[in-house]
Structures are given as structure tokens and as C-alpha cells.
Amino acid sequence: MYEYVFSIRILTHYLDWDYTFNTYFNEYLYPRLEEDDSYLLLLGICNFNFYRIFGEIESTKMVNDLLKSKMEKVSTTSILSYLLIKQIDPLISSIWLEENTKELIDQGWSIEYLTKYLIF
């Protein structure tokens, strides 16, 4: 997993944020999100890399808002969104985790694992 994350981060860093957001995100990833939420992982990896560099600019905020919008009910998509957003917005992610703790435990998720696990 970490080699995969590192590869994506290097590639998008080399291509620069404008290309990554305007071409890779808008033309490639966003259309595929309608069919398959697993593309959120790629979106989140790229966004986190540029969020660390530029902070909250309009485009990184748009991606963060999209990730937060996927944190509704407990599902693999919402858990992935939680893992991606918790390093950017710890308050929102901790509220989501607290509100969904019972359901997460009922589904077999370890709250300790979700709290400690870092994708980046």
C-alpha cells in the first residue's frame, strides 16, 4: 500500500497541481467516481499531497468537501473517506467516528485501529 501511495504522490507532484486537478481529477477520476467509489483513494492521496504544500485553496477544499460528503452512513466508502480526511480535518473525522462508533463495532471494525491507522 505505501509503495502505491508513494508512487501516486511522486507522479502527481511531478505533474504539478494544476495538471493534476484540471486533467487527472476532472477528466479521469471524477467521472469514474460515479461508477466506483474506490477512486476516492486516488483522489485522496493526490489531494493530501497538495494540501500539505498549498493548504486549503479552492481546489483542495473542493476535494476535501467531496471526501467529507462521502462520510454519511457507515460503509467501506465512508471509512475510506474518514481515513483520508482525518489528517486534514481531525474535528470532522472525530465527530463522525464518535457518532458511528456503535455501528462500526457492530460491523466488526476496531475503533482503536481506525483511530491509529494512517494512510500517509
PDB file of N, CA and C in Angstrom:
ATOM      1  N   MET A   1       0.825  -1.195   0.000  1.00  0.00           N
ATOM      2  CA  MET A   1       0.000   0.000   0.000  1.00  0.00           C
ATOM      3  C   MET A   1       0.870   1.260   0.000  1.00  0.00           C
ATOM      4  N   TYR A   2       1.897   1.288   0.855  1.00  0.00           N
ATOM      5  CA  TYR A   2       2.693   2.502   0.973  1.00  0.00           C
ATOM      6  C   TYR A   2       3.490   2.796  -0.294  1.00  0.00           C
ATOM      7  N   GLU A   3       3.961   1.748  -0.988  1.00  0.00           N
ATOM      8  CA  GLU A   3       4.670   1.955  -2.251  1.00  0.00           C
ATOM      9  C   GLU A   3       3.725   2.571  -3.281  1.00  0.00           C
ATOM     10  N   TYR A   4       2.480   2.092  -3.282  1.00  0.00           N
ATOM     11  CA  TYR A   4       1.459   2.591  -4.200  1.00  0.00           C
ATOM     12  C   TYR A   4       1.174   4.069  -3.921  1.00  0.00           C
ATOM     13  N   VAL A   5       0.993   4.390  -2.659  1.00  0.00           N
ATOM     14  CA  VAL A   5       0.722   5.775  -2.256  1.00  0.00           C
ATOM     15  C   VAL A   5       1.897   6.666  -2.650  1.00  0.00           C
ATOM     16  N   PHE A   6       3.099   6.208  -2.365  1.00  0.00           N
ATOM     17  CA  PHE A   6       4.291   6.991  -2.673  1.00  0.00           C
ATOM     18  C   PHE A   6       4.410   7.233  -4.178  1.00  0.00           C
ATOM     19  N   SER A   7       4.140   6.214  -4.979  1.00  0.00           N
ATOM     20  CA  SER A   7       4.220   6.350  -6.441  1.00  0.00           C
ATOM     21  C   SER A   7       3.238   7.392  -6.962  1.00  0.00           C
ATOM     22  N   ILE A   8       2.009   7.342  -6.485  1.00  0.00           N
ATOM     23  CA  ILE A   8       0.988   8.313  -6.907  1.00  0.00           C
ATOM     24  C   ILE A   8       1.395   9.723  -6.490  1.00  0.00           C
ATOM     25  N   ARG A   9       1.896   9.853  -5.281  1.00  0.00           N
ATOM     26  CA  ARG A   9       2.297  11.171  -4.795  1.00  0.00           C
ATOM     27  C   ARG A   9       3.433  11.752  -5.629  1.00  0.00           C
ATOM     28  N   ILE A  10       4.421  10.939  -5.967  1.00  0.00           N
ATOM     29  CA  ILE A  10       5.548  11.429  -6.770  1.00  0.00           C
ATOM     30  C   ILE A  10       5.081  11.825  -8.166  1.00  0.00           C
ATOM     31  N   LEU A  11       4.272  10.989  -8.776  1.00  0.00           N
ATOM     32  CA  LEU A  11       3.797  11.270 -10.129  1.00  0.00           C
ATOM     33  C   LEU A  11       3.010  12.579 -10.181  1.00  0.00           C
ATOM     34  N   THR A  12       2.074  12.758  -9.277  1.00  0.00           N
ATOM     35  CA  THR A  12       1.259  13.975  -9.306  1.00  0.00           C
ATOM     36  C   THR A  12       2.067  15.201  -8.892  1.00  0.00           C
ATOM     37  N   HIS A  13       3.029  15.007  -8.025  1.00  0.00           N
ATOM     38  CA  HIS A  13       3.895  16.127  -7.649  1.00  0.00           C
ATOM     39  C   HIS A  13       4.706  16.581  -8.862  1.00  0.00           C
ATOM     40  N   TYR A  14       5.187  15.626  -9.625  1.00  0.00           N
ATOM     41  CA  TYR A  14       5.949  15.940 -10.839  1.00  0.00           C
ATOM     42  C   TYR A  14       5.064  16.649 -11.867  1.00  0.00           C
ATOM     43  N   LEU A  15       3.818  16.207 -11.995  1.00  0.00           N
ATOM     44  CA  LEU A  15       2.913  16.791 -12.984  1.00  0.00           C
ATOM     45  C   LEU A  15       2.402  18.170 -12.575  1.00  0.00           C
ATOM     46  N   ASP A  16       2.470  18.526 -11.350  1.00  0.00           N
ATOM     47  CA  ASP A  16       2.046  19.765 -10.699  1.00  0.00           C
ATOM     48  C   ASP A  16       0.541  19.759 -10.416  1.00  0.00           C
ATOM     49  N   TRP A  17       0.144  20.644  -9.525  1.00  0.00           N
ATOM     50  CA  TRP A  17      -1.231  20.645  -9.035  1.00  0.00           C
ATOM     51  C   TRP A  17      -2.234  21.038 -10.110  1.00  0.00           C
ATOM     52  N   ASP A  18      -1.914  22.036 -10.916  1.00  0.00           N
ATOM     53  CA  ASP A  18      -2.864  22.470 -11.950  1.00  0.00           C
ATOM     54  C   ASP A  18      -3.219  21.325 -12.894  1.00  0.00           C
ATOM     55  N   TYR A  19      -2.217  20.617 -13.367  1.00  0.00           N
ATOM     56  CA  TYR A  19      -2.482  19.482 -14.255  1.00  0.00           C
ATOM     57  C   TYR A  19      -3.242  18.384 -13.509  1.00  0.00           C
ATOM     58  N   THR A  20      -2.783  18.080 -12.304  1.00  0.00           N
ATOM     59  CA  THR A  20      -3.419  17.010 -11.532  1.00  0.00           C
ATOM     60  C   THR A  20      -4.893  17.309 -11.312  1.00  0.00           C
ATOM     61  N   PHE A  21      -5.204  18.529 -10.882  1.00  0.00           N
ATOM     62  CA  PHE A  21      -6.598  18.865 -10.601  1.00  0.00           C
ATOM     63  C   PHE A  21      -7.417  18.987 -11.884  1.00  0.00           C
ATOM     64  N   ASN A  22      -6.938  19.765 -12.835  1.00  0.00           N
ATOM     65  CA  ASN A  22      -7.720  20.048 -14.043  1.00  0.00           C
ATOM     66  C   ASN A  22      -7.846  18.858 -14.984  1.00  0.00           C
ATOM     67  N   THR A  23      -6.821  18.055 -15.082  1.00  0.00           N
ATOM     68  CA  THR A  23      -6.856  16.948 -16.033  1.00  0.00           C
ATOM     69  C   THR A  23      -7.113  15.613 -15.345  1.00  0.00           C
ATOM     70  N   TYR A  24      -6.231  15.242 -14.427  1.00  0.00           N
ATOM     71  CA  TYR A  24      -6.350  13.923 -13.797  1.00  0.00           C
ATOM     72  C   TYR A  24      -7.627  13.804 -12.963  1.00  0.00           C
ATOM     73  N   PHE A  25      -7.908  14.806 -12.142  1.00  0.00           N
ATOM     74  CA  PHE A  25      -9.116  14.754 -11.319  1.00  0.00           C
ATOM     75  C   PHE A  25     -10.376  14.918 -12.166  1.00  0.00           C
ATOM     76  N   ASN A  26     -10.452  16.053 -12.856  1.00  0.00           N
ATOM     77  CA  ASN A  26     -11.701  16.405 -13.544  1.00  0.00           C
ATOM     78  C   ASN A  26     -12.023  15.527 -14.742  1.00  0.00           C
ATOM     79  N   GLU A  27     -11.012  15.123 -15.489  1.00  0.00           N
ATOM     80  CA  GLU A  27     -11.279  14.335 -16.695  1.00  0.00           C
ATOM     81  C   GLU A  27     -11.215  12.830 -16.462  1.00  0.00           C
ATOM     82  N   TYR A  28     -10.458  12.400 -15.466  1.00  0.00           N
ATOM     83  CA  TYR A  28     -10.289  10.962 -15.264  1.00  0.00           C
ATOM     84  C   TYR A  28     -10.993  10.449 -14.006  1.00  0.00           C
ATOM     85  N   LEU A  29     -10.673  11.023 -12.850  1.00  0.00           N
ATOM     86  CA  LEU A  29     -11.189  10.467 -11.593  1.00  0.00           C
ATOM     87  C   LEU A  29     -12.660  10.775 -11.333  1.00  0.00           C
ATOM     88  N   TYR A  30     -13.070  12.032 -11.454  1.00  0.00           N
ATOM     89  CA  TYR A  30     -14.461  12.392 -11.145  1.00  0.00           C
ATOM     90  C   TYR A  30     -15.480  11.571 -11.933  1.00  0.00           C
ATOM     91  N   PRO A  31     -15.323  11.413 -13.246  1.00  0.00           N
ATOM     92  CA  PRO A  31     -16.309  10.606 -13.980  1.00  0.00           C
ATOM     93  C   PRO A  31     -16.371   9.154 -13.489  1.00  0.00           C
ATOM     94  N   ARG A  32     -15.254   8.623 -13.046  1.00  0.00           N
ATOM     95  CA  ARG A  32     -15.225   7.236 -12.579  1.00  0.00           C
ATOM     96  C   ARG A  32     -15.811   7.075 -11.177  1.00  0.00           C
ATOM     97  N   LEU A  33     -15.831   8.158 -10.406  1.00  0.00           N
ATOM     98  CA  LEU A  33     -16.404   8.100  -9.057  1.00  0.00           C
ATOM     99  C   LEU A  33     -17.891   7.763  -9.077  1.00  0.00           C
ATOM    100  N   GLU A  34     -18.569   8.148 -10.136  1.00  0.00           N
ATOM    101  CA  GLU A  34     -19.996   7.841 -10.233  1.00  0.00           C
ATOM    102  C   GLU A  34     -20.234   6.339 -10.310  1.00  0.00           C
ATOM    103  N   GLU A  35     -19.271   5.604 -10.862  1.00  0.00           N
ATOM    104  CA  GLU A  35     -19.400   4.158 -11.017  1.00  0.00           C
ATOM    105  C   GLU A  35     -18.741   3.387  -9.880  1.00  0.00           C
ATOM    106  N   ASP A  36     -17.666   3.934  -9.313  1.00  0.00           N
ATOM    107  CA  ASP A  36     -16.855   3.171  -8.373  1.00  0.00           C
ATOM    108  C   ASP A  36     -16.196   4.105  -7.358  1.00  0.00           C
ATOM    109  N   ASP A  37     -16.639   4.021  -6.109  1.00  0.00           N
ATOM    110  CA  ASP A  37     -16.103   4.893  -5.063  1.00  0.00           C
ATOM    111  C   ASP A  37     -14.659   4.575  -4.682  1.00  0.00           C
ATOM    112  N   SER A  38     -14.114   3.466  -5.169  1.00  0.00           N
ATOM    113  CA  SER A  38     -12.733   3.147  -4.818  1.00  0.00           C
ATOM    114  C   SER A  38     -11.752   4.170  -5.398  1.00  0.00           C
ATOM    115  N   TYR A  39     -12.188   4.942  -6.384  1.00  0.00           N
ATOM    116  CA  TYR A  39     -11.339   6.004  -6.929  1.00  0.00           C
ATOM    117  C   TYR A  39     -11.120   7.123  -5.915  1.00  0.00           C
ATOM    118  N   LEU A  40     -11.875   7.109  -4.829  1.00  0.00           N
ATOM    119  CA  LEU A  40     -11.652   8.085  -3.761  1.00  0.00           C
ATOM    120  C   LEU A  40     -10.247   7.964  -3.195  1.00  0.00           C
ATOM    121  N   LEU A  41      -9.707   6.758  -3.169  1.00  0.00           N
ATOM    122  CA  LEU A  41      -8.361   6.565  -2.637  1.00  0.00           C
ATOM    123  C   LEU A  41      -7.347   7.361  -3.454  1.00  0.00           C
ATOM    124  N   LEU A  42      -7.413   7.257  -4.765  1.00  0.00           N
ATOM    125  CA  LEU A  42      -6.501   8.025  -5.623  1.00  0.00           C
ATOM    126  C   LEU A  42      -6.708   9.522  -5.435  1.00  0.00           C
ATOM    127  N   LEU A  43      -7.957   9.928  -5.397  1.00  0.00           N
ATOM    128  CA  LEU A  43      -8.292  11.333  -5.220  1.00  0.00           C
ATOM    129  C   LEU A  43      -7.738  11.853  -3.894  1.00  0.00           C
ATOM    130  N   GLY A  44      -7.949  11.091  -2.838  1.00  0.00           N
ATOM    131  CA  GLY A  44      -7.486  11.500  -1.515  1.00  0.00           C
ATOM    132  C   GLY A  44      -5.977  11.558  -1.401  1.00  0.00           C
ATOM    133  N   ILE A  45      -5.286  10.589  -2.006  1.00  0.00           N
ATOM    134  CA  ILE A  45      -3.822  10.573  -1.972  1.00  0.00           C
ATOM    135  C   ILE A  45      -3.263  11.825  -2.642  1.00  0.00           C
ATOM    136  N   CYS A  46      -3.736  12.097  -3.837  1.00  0.00           N
ATOM    137  CA  CYS A  46      -3.257  13.279  -4.575  1.00  0.00           C
ATOM    138  C   CYS A  46      -3.587  14.558  -3.817  1.00  0.00           C
ATOM    139  N   ASN A  47      -4.803  14.647  -3.344  1.00  0.00           N
ATOM    140  CA  ASN A  47      -5.233  15.855  -2.651  1.00  0.00           C
ATOM    141  C   ASN A  47      -4.414  16.089  -1.388  1.00  0.00           C
ATOM    142  N   PHE A  48      -4.158  15.029  -0.626  1.00  0.00           N
ATOM    143  CA  PHE A  48      -3.395  15.187   0.608  1.00  0.00           C
ATOM    144  C   PHE A  48      -1.999  15.720   0.306  1.00  0.00           C
ATOM    145  N   ASN A  49      -1.387  15.208  -0.739  1.00  0.00           N
ATOM    146  CA  ASN A  49      -0.052  15.660  -1.118  1.00  0.00           C
ATOM    147  C   ASN A  49      -0.040  17.166  -1.381  1.00  0.00           C
ATOM    148  N   PHE A  50      -1.011  17.650  -2.135  1.00  0.00           N
ATOM    149  CA  PHE A  50      -1.034  19.068  -2.468  1.00  0.00           C
ATOM    150  C   PHE A  50      -1.606  19.918  -1.338  1.00  0.00           C
ATOM    151  N   TYR A  51      -2.440  19.345  -0.499  1.00  0.00           N
ATOM    152  CA  TYR A  51      -2.940  20.072   0.668  1.00  0.00           C
ATOM    153  C   TYR A  51      -1.774  20.419   1.593  1.00  0.00           C
ATOM    154  N   ARG A  52      -0.846  19.481   1.737  1.00  0.00           N
ATOM    155  CA  ARG A  52       0.332  19.732   2.580  1.00  0.00           C
ATOM    156  C   ARG A  52       1.184  20.863   2.017  1.00  0.00           C
ATOM    157  N   ILE A  53       1.212  21.007   0.704  1.00  0.00           N
ATOM    158  CA  ILE A  53       2.034  22.040   0.066  1.00  0.00           C
ATOM    159  C   ILE A  53       1.327  23.396   0.062  1.00  0.00           C
ATOM    160  N   PHE A  54       0.066  23.430  -0.384  1.00  0.00           N
ATOM    161  CA  PHE A  54      -0.646  24.686  -0.607  1.00  0.00           C
ATOM    162  C   PHE A  54      -1.636  25.056   0.492  1.00  0.00           C
ATOM    163  N   GLY A  55      -1.993  24.116   1.335  1.00  0.00           N
ATOM    164  CA  GLY A  55      -3.017  24.387   2.331  1.00  0.00           C
ATOM    165  C   GLY A  55      -4.396  24.343   1.701  1.00  0.00           C
ATOM    166  N   GLU A  56      -5.328  25.036   2.322  1.00  0.00           N
ATOM    167  CA  GLU A  56      -6.705  24.992   1.836  1.00  0.00           C
ATOM    168  C   GLU A  56      -6.929  26.082   0.788  1.00  0.00           C
ATOM    169  N   ILE A  57      -6.676  25.722  -0.451  1.00  0.00           N
ATOM    170  CA  ILE A  57      -7.015  26.583  -1.574  1.00  0.00           C
ATOM    171  C   ILE A  57      -8.333  26.070  -2.142  1.00  0.00           C
ATOM    172  N   GLU A  58      -8.910  26.797  -3.063  1.00  0.00           N
ATOM    173  CA  GLU A  58     -10.248  26.440  -3.564  1.00  0.00           C
ATOM    174  C   GLU A  58     -10.332  24.991  -4.057  1.00  0.00           C
ATOM    175  N   SER A  59      -9.349  24.547  -4.818  1.00  0.00           N
ATOM    176  CA  SER A  59      -9.420  23.199  -5.392  1.00  0.00           C
ATOM    177  C   SER A  59      -9.225  22.107  -4.341  1.00  0.00           C
ATOM    178  N   THR A  60      -8.292  22.295  -3.397  1.00  0.00           N
ATOM    179  CA  THR A  60      -8.141  21.267  -2.362  1.00  0.00           C
ATOM    180  C   THR A  60      -9.364  21.247  -1.455  1.00  0.00           C
ATOM    181  N   LYS A  61      -9.960  22.409  -1.216  1.00  0.00           N
ATOM    182  CA  LYS A  61     -11.184  22.462  -0.408  1.00  0.00           C
ATOM    183  C   LYS A  61     -12.321  21.711  -1.098  1.00  0.00           C
ATOM    184  N   MET A  62     -12.422  21.845  -2.425  1.00  0.00           N
ATOM    185  CA  MET A  62     -13.466  21.123  -3.166  1.00  0.00           C
ATOM    186  C   MET A  62     -13.314  19.610  -2.995  1.00  0.00           C
ATOM    187  N   VAL A  63     -12.080  19.131  -3.077  1.00  0.00           N
ATOM    188  CA  VAL A  63     -11.842  17.693  -2.915  1.00  0.00           C
ATOM    189  C   VAL A  63     -12.121  17.275  -1.476  1.00  0.00           C
ATOM    190  N   ASN A  64     -11.677  18.073  -0.507  1.00  0.00           N
ATOM    191  CA  ASN A  64     -11.960  17.763   0.898  1.00  0.00           C
ATOM    192  C   ASN A  64     -13.463  17.710   1.152  1.00  0.00           C
ATOM    193  N   ASP A  65     -14.199  18.642   0.581  1.00  0.00           N
ATOM    194  CA  ASP A  65     -15.660  18.649   0.743  1.00  0.00           C
ATOM    195  C   ASP A  65     -16.289  17.404   0.126  1.00  0.00           C
ATOM    196  N   LEU A  66     -15.772  16.969  -1.011  1.00  0.00           N
ATOM    197  CA  LEU A  66     -16.270  15.739  -1.629  1.00  0.00           C
ATOM    198  C   LEU A  66     -16.012  14.545  -0.714  1.00  0.00           C
ATOM    199  N   LEU A  67     -14.810  14.462  -0.164  1.00  0.00           N
ATOM    200  CA  LEU A  67     -14.487  13.360   0.749  1.00  0.00           C
ATOM    201  C   LEU A  67     -15.397  13.393   1.978  1.00  0.00           C
ATOM    202  N   LYS A  68     -15.610  14.573   2.534  1.00  0.00           N
ATOM    203  CA  LYS A  68     -16.482  14.707   3.707  1.00  0.00           C
ATOM    204  C   LYS A  68     -17.916  14.310   3.374  1.00  0.00           C
ATOM    205  N   SER A  69     -18.357  14.599   2.156  1.00  0.00           N
ATOM    206  CA  SER A  69     -19.731  14.249   1.768  1.00  0.00           C
ATOM    207  C   SER A  69     -19.936  12.737   1.694  1.00  0.00           C
ATOM    208  N   LYS A  70     -18.863  11.994   1.549  1.00  0.00           N
ATOM    209  CA  LYS A  70     -18.958  10.528   1.487  1.00  0.00           C
ATOM    210  C   LYS A  70     -18.989   9.904   2.879  1.00  0.00           C
ATOM    211  N   MET A  71     -18.831  10.725   3.923  1.00  0.00           N
ATOM    212  CA  MET A  71     -18.827  10.231   5.302  1.00  0.00           C
ATOM    213  C   MET A  71     -20.227  10.315   5.903  1.00  0.00           C
ATOM    214  N   GLU A  72     -21.176   9.669   5.279  1.00  0.00           N
ATOM    215  CA  GLU A  72     -22.546   9.719   5.778  1.00  0.00           C
ATOM    216  C   GLU A  72     -22.831   8.489   6.628  1.00  0.00           C
ATOM    217  N   LYS A  73     -23.324   7.461   6.021  1.00  0.00           N
ATOM    218  CA  LYS A  73     -23.616   6.236   6.762  1.00  0.00           C
ATOM    219  C   LYS A  73     -22.351   5.382   6.821  1.00  0.00           C
ATOM    220  N   VAL A  74     -22.358   4.387   7.673  1.00  0.00           N
ATOM    221  CA  VAL A  74     -21.195   3.513   7.803  1.00  0.00           C
ATOM    222  C   VAL A  74     -21.140   2.565   6.612  1.00  0.00           C
ATOM    223  N   SER A  75     -20.051   2.660   5.868  1.00  0.00           N
ATOM    224  CA  SER A  75     -19.808   1.800   4.711  1.00  0.00           C
ATOM    225  C   SER A  75     -18.308   1.808   4.453  1.00  0.00           C
ATOM    226  N   THR A  76     -17.857   0.971   3.547  1.00  0.00           N
ATOM    227  CA  THR A  76     -16.428   0.996   3.223  1.00  0.00           C
ATOM    228  C   THR A  76     -16.037   2.350   2.629  1.00  0.00           C
ATOM    229  N   THR A  77     -16.942   2.959   1.882  1.00  0.00           N
ATOM    230  CA  THR A  77     -16.666   4.280   1.304  1.00  0.00           C
ATOM    231  C   THR A  77     -16.522   5.334   2.395  1.00  0.00           C
ATOM    232  N   SER A  78     -17.404   5.325   3.373  1.00  0.00           N
ATOM    233  CA  SER A  78     -17.317   6.329   4.436  1.00  0.00           C
ATOM    234  C   SER A  78     -16.085   6.097   5.310  1.00  0.00           C
ATOM    235  N   ILE A  79     -15.703   4.844   5.503  1.00  0.00           N
ATOM    236  CA  ILE A  79     -14.499   4.550   6.286  1.00  0.00           C
ATOM    237  C   ILE A  79     -13.262   5.020   5.529  1.00  0.00           C
ATOM    238  N   LEU A  80     -13.222   4.781   4.228  1.00  0.00           N
ATOM    239  CA  LEU A  80     -12.107   5.272   3.417  1.00  0.00           C
ATOM    240  C   LEU A  80     -12.047   6.796   3.481  1.00  0.00           C
ATOM    241  N   SER A  81     -13.182   7.444   3.352  1.00  0.00           N
ATOM    242  CA  SER A  81     -13.222   8.910   3.432  1.00  0.00           C
ATOM    243  C   SER A  81     -12.746   9.388   4.796  1.00  0.00           C
ATOM    244  N   TYR A  82     -13.176   8.700   5.847  1.00  0.00           N
ATOM    245  CA  TYR A  82     -12.724   9.032   7.202  1.00  0.00           C
ATOM    246  C   TYR A  82     -11.198   8.941   7.296  1.00  0.00           C
ATOM    247  N   LEU A  83     -10.628   7.842   6.786  1.00  0.00           N
ATOM    248  CA  LEU A  83      -9.180   7.656   6.857  1.00  0.00           C
ATOM    249  C   LEU A  83      -8.431   8.717   6.053  1.00  0.00           C
ATOM    250  N   LEU A  84      -9.011   9.146   4.949  1.00  0.00           N
ATOM    251  CA  LEU A  84      -8.370  10.164   4.118  1.00  0.00           C
ATOM    252  C   LEU A  84      -8.482  11.560   4.725  1.00  0.00           C
ATOM    253  N   ILE A  85      -9.602  11.855   5.361  1.00  0.00           N
ATOM    254  CA  ILE A  85      -9.849  13.220   5.829  1.00  0.00           C
ATOM    255  C   ILE A  85      -9.347  13.456   7.259  1.00  0.00           C
ATOM    256  N   LYS A  86      -9.105  12.395   8.022  1.00  0.00           N
ATOM    257  CA  LYS A  86      -8.778  12.599   9.436  1.00  0.00           C
ATOM    258  C   LYS A  86      -7.467  13.340   9.662  1.00  0.00           C
ATOM    259  N   GLN A  87      -6.550  13.307   8.701  1.00  0.00           N
ATOM    260  CA  GLN A  87      -5.307  14.046   8.858  1.00  0.00           C
ATOM    261  C   GLN A  87      -5.441  15.490   8.379  1.00  0.00           C
ATOM    262  N   ILE A  88      -6.517  15.789   7.690  1.00  0.00           N
ATOM    263  CA  ILE A  88      -6.756  17.143   7.196  1.00  0.00           C
ATOM    264  C   ILE A  88      -7.740  17.882   8.101  1.00  0.00           C
ATOM    265  N   ASP A  89      -8.773  17.191   8.546  1.00  0.00           N
ATOM    266  CA  ASP A  89      -9.789  17.798   9.404  1.00  0.00           C
ATOM    267  C   ASP A  89     -10.109  16.845  10.556  1.00  0.00           C
ATOM    268  N   PRO A  90      -9.256  16.847  11.590  1.00  0.00           N
ATOM    269  CA  PRO A  90      -9.447  15.923  12.704  1.00  0.00           C
ATOM    270  C   PRO A  90     -10.777  16.107  13.440  1.00  0.00           C
ATOM    271  N   LEU A  91     -11.287  17.328  13.486  1.00  0.00           N
ATOM    272  CA  LEU A  91     -12.547  17.573  14.193  1.00  0.00           C
ATOM    273  C   LEU A  91     -13.706  16.859  13.514  1.00  0.00           C
ATOM    274  N   ILE A  92     -13.862  17.057  12.213  1.00  0.00           N
ATOM    275  CA  ILE A  92     -14.955  16.410  11.472  1.00  0.00           C
ATOM    276  C   ILE A  92     -14.837  14.898  11.559  1.00  0.00           C
ATOM    277  N   SER A  93     -13.621  14.388  11.406  1.00  0.00           N
ATOM    278  CA  SER A  93     -13.451  12.937  11.425  1.00  0.00           C
ATOM    279  C   SER A  93     -13.723  12.360  12.810  1.00  0.00           C
ATOM    280  N   SER A  94     -13.323  13.062  13.866  1.00  0.00           N
ATOM    281  CA  SER A  94     -13.587  12.542  15.213  1.00  0.00           C
ATOM    282  C   SER A  94     -15.077  12.587  15.539  1.00  0.00           C
ATOM    283  N   ILE A  95     -15.781  13.596  15.057  1.00  0.00           N
ATOM    284  CA  ILE A  95     -17.237  13.654  15.245  1.00  0.00           C
ATOM    285  C   ILE A  95     -17.898  12.479  14.533  1.00  0.00           C
ATOM    286  N   TRP A  96     -17.483  12.223  13.282  1.00  0.00           N
ATOM    287  CA  TRP A  96     -18.044  11.098  12.524  1.00  0.00           C
ATOM    288  C   TRP A  96     -17.779   9.780  13.247  1.00  0.00           C
ATOM    289  N   LEU A  97     -16.559   9.596  13.734  1.00  0.00           N
ATOM    290  CA  LEU A  97     -16.209   8.355  14.425  1.00  0.00           C
ATOM    291  C   LEU A  97     -17.040   8.190  15.693  1.00  0.00           C
ATOM    292  N   GLU A  98     -17.192   9.260  16.447  1.00  0.00           N
ATOM    293  CA  GLU A  98     -17.975   9.207  17.684  1.00  0.00           C
ATOM    294  C   GLU A  98     -19.443   8.883  17.398  1.00  0.00           C
ATOM    295  N   GLU A  99     -20.016   9.526  16.387  1.00  0.00           N
ATOM    296  CA  GLU A  99     -21.423   9.298  16.044  1.00  0.00           C
ATOM    297  C   GLU A  99     -21.681   7.885  15.522  1.00  0.00           C
ATOM    298  N   ASN A 100     -20.672   7.255  14.955  1.00  0.00           N
ATOM    299  CA  ASN A 100     -20.858   5.955  14.313  1.00  0.00           C
ATOM    300  C   ASN A 100     -20.159   4.806  15.027  1.00  0.00           C
ATOM    301  N   THR A 101     -19.644   5.053  16.230  1.00  0.00           N
ATOM    302  CA  THR A 101     -18.886   4.032  16.951  1.00  0.00           C
ATOM    303  C   THR A 101     -19.677   2.746  17.131  1.00  0.00           C
ATOM    304  N   LYS A 102     -20.915   2.832  17.585  1.00  0.00           N
ATOM    305  CA  LYS A 102     -21.705   1.626  17.835  1.00  0.00           C
ATOM    306  C   LYS A 102     -21.882   0.811  16.558  1.00  0.00           C
ATOM    307  N   GLU A 103     -22.265   1.467  15.482  1.00  0.00           N
ATOM    308  CA  GLU A 103     -22.481   0.747  14.224  1.00  0.00           C
ATOM    309  C   GLU A 103     -21.178   0.160  13.685  1.00  0.00           C
ATOM    310  N   LEU A 104     -20.082   0.883  13.826  1.00  0.00           N
ATOM    311  CA  LEU A 104     -18.782   0.367  13.388  1.00  0.00           C
ATOM    312  C   LEU A 104     -18.411  -0.892  14.166  1.00  0.00           C
ATOM    313  N   ILE A 105     -18.591  -0.853  15.477  1.00  0.00           N
ATOM    314  CA  ILE A 105     -18.298  -2.023  16.311  1.00  0.00           C
ATOM    315  C   ILE A 105     -19.211  -3.178  15.932  1.00  0.00           C
ATOM    316  N   ASP A 106     -20.499  -2.888  15.722  1.00  0.00           N
ATOM    317  CA  ASP A 106     -21.451  -3.934  15.316  1.00  0.00           C
ATOM    318  C   ASP A 106     -21.044  -4.594  14.000  1.00  0.00           C
ATOM    319  N   GLN A 107     -20.392  -3.829  13.119  1.00  0.00           N
ATOM    320  CA  GLN A 107     -19.952  -4.369  11.829  1.00  0.00           C
ATOM    321  C   GLN A 107     -18.560  -5.002  11.905  1.00  0.00           C
ATOM    322  N   GLY A 108     -17.971  -5.000  13.104  1.00  0.00           N
ATOM    323  CA  GLY A 108     -16.691  -5.677  13.297  1.00  0.00           C
ATOM    324  C   GLY A 108     -15.452  -4.808  13.139  1.00  0.00           C
ATOM    325  N   TRP A 109     -15.629  -3.505  13.045  1.00  0.00           N
ATOM    326  CA  TRP A 109     -14.486  -2.612  12.910  1.00  0.00           C
ATOM    327  C   TRP A 109     -13.882  -2.321  14.278  1.00  0.00           C
ATOM    328  N   SER A 110     -12.581  -2.213  14.343  1.00  0.00           N
ATOM    329  CA  SER A 110     -11.877  -1.846  15.564  1.00  0.00           C
ATOM    330  C   SER A 110     -11.723  -0.328  15.604  1.00  0.00           C
ATOM    331  N   ILE A 111     -12.306   0.288  16.611  1.00  0.00           N
ATOM    332  CA  ILE A 111     -12.217   1.743  16.750  1.00  0.00           C
ATOM    333  C   ILE A 111     -10.763   2.151  16.984  1.00  0.00           C
ATOM    334  N   GLU A 112     -10.048   1.364  17.756  1.00  0.00           N
ATOM    335  CA  GLU A 112      -8.634   1.656  18.006  1.00  0.00           C
ATOM    336  C   GLU A 112      -7.836   1.639  16.697  1.00  0.00           C
ATOM    337  N   TYR A 113      -8.097   0.649  15.864  1.00  0.00           N
ATOM    338  CA  TYR A 113      -7.406   0.548  14.575  1.00  0.00           C
ATOM    339  C   TYR A 113      -7.740   1.749  13.689  1.00  0.00           C
ATOM    340  N   LEU A 114      -9.019   2.085  13.587  1.00  0.00           N
ATOM    341  CA  LEU A 114      -9.421   3.221  12.752  1.00  0.00           C
ATOM    342  C   LEU A 114      -8.820   4.530  13.255  1.00  0.00           C
ATOM    343  N   THR A 115      -8.683   4.649  14.555  1.00  0.00           N
ATOM    344  CA  THR A 115      -8.123   5.863  15.139  1.00  0.00           C
ATOM    345  C   THR A 115      -6.628   5.981  14.855  1.00  0.00           C
ATOM    346  N   LYS A 116      -5.924   4.862  14.930  1.00  0.00           N
ATOM    347  CA  LYS A 116      -4.464   4.898  14.798  1.00  0.00           C
ATOM    348  C   LYS A 116      -3.957   4.771  13.367  1.00  0.00           C
ATOM    349  N   TYR A 117      -4.723   4.146  12.477  1.00  0.00           N
ATOM    350  CA  TYR A 117      -4.240   3.854  11.127  1.00  0.00           C
ATOM    351  C   TYR A 117      -4.079   5.136  10.315  1.00  0.00           C
ATOM    352  N   LEU A 118      -2.934   5.280   9.677  1.00  0.00           N
ATOM    353  CA  LEU A 118      -2.662   6.430   8.818  1.00  0.00           C
ATOM    354  C   LEU A 118      -2.333   5.938   7.417  1.00  0.00           C
ATOM    355  N   ILE A 119      -2.984   6.488   6.424  1.00  0.00           N
ATOM    356  CA  ILE A 119      -2.694   6.126   5.040  1.00  0.00           C
ATOM    357  C   ILE A 119      -1.405   6.797   4.599  1.00  0.00           C
ATOM    358  N   PHE A 120      -1.147   7.985   5.103  1.00  0.00           N
ATOM    359  CA  PHE A 120       0.022   8.755   4.675  1.00  0.00           C
ATOM    360  C   PHE A 120       1.053   8.782   5.765  1.00  0.00           C
TER     361      PHE A 120
END
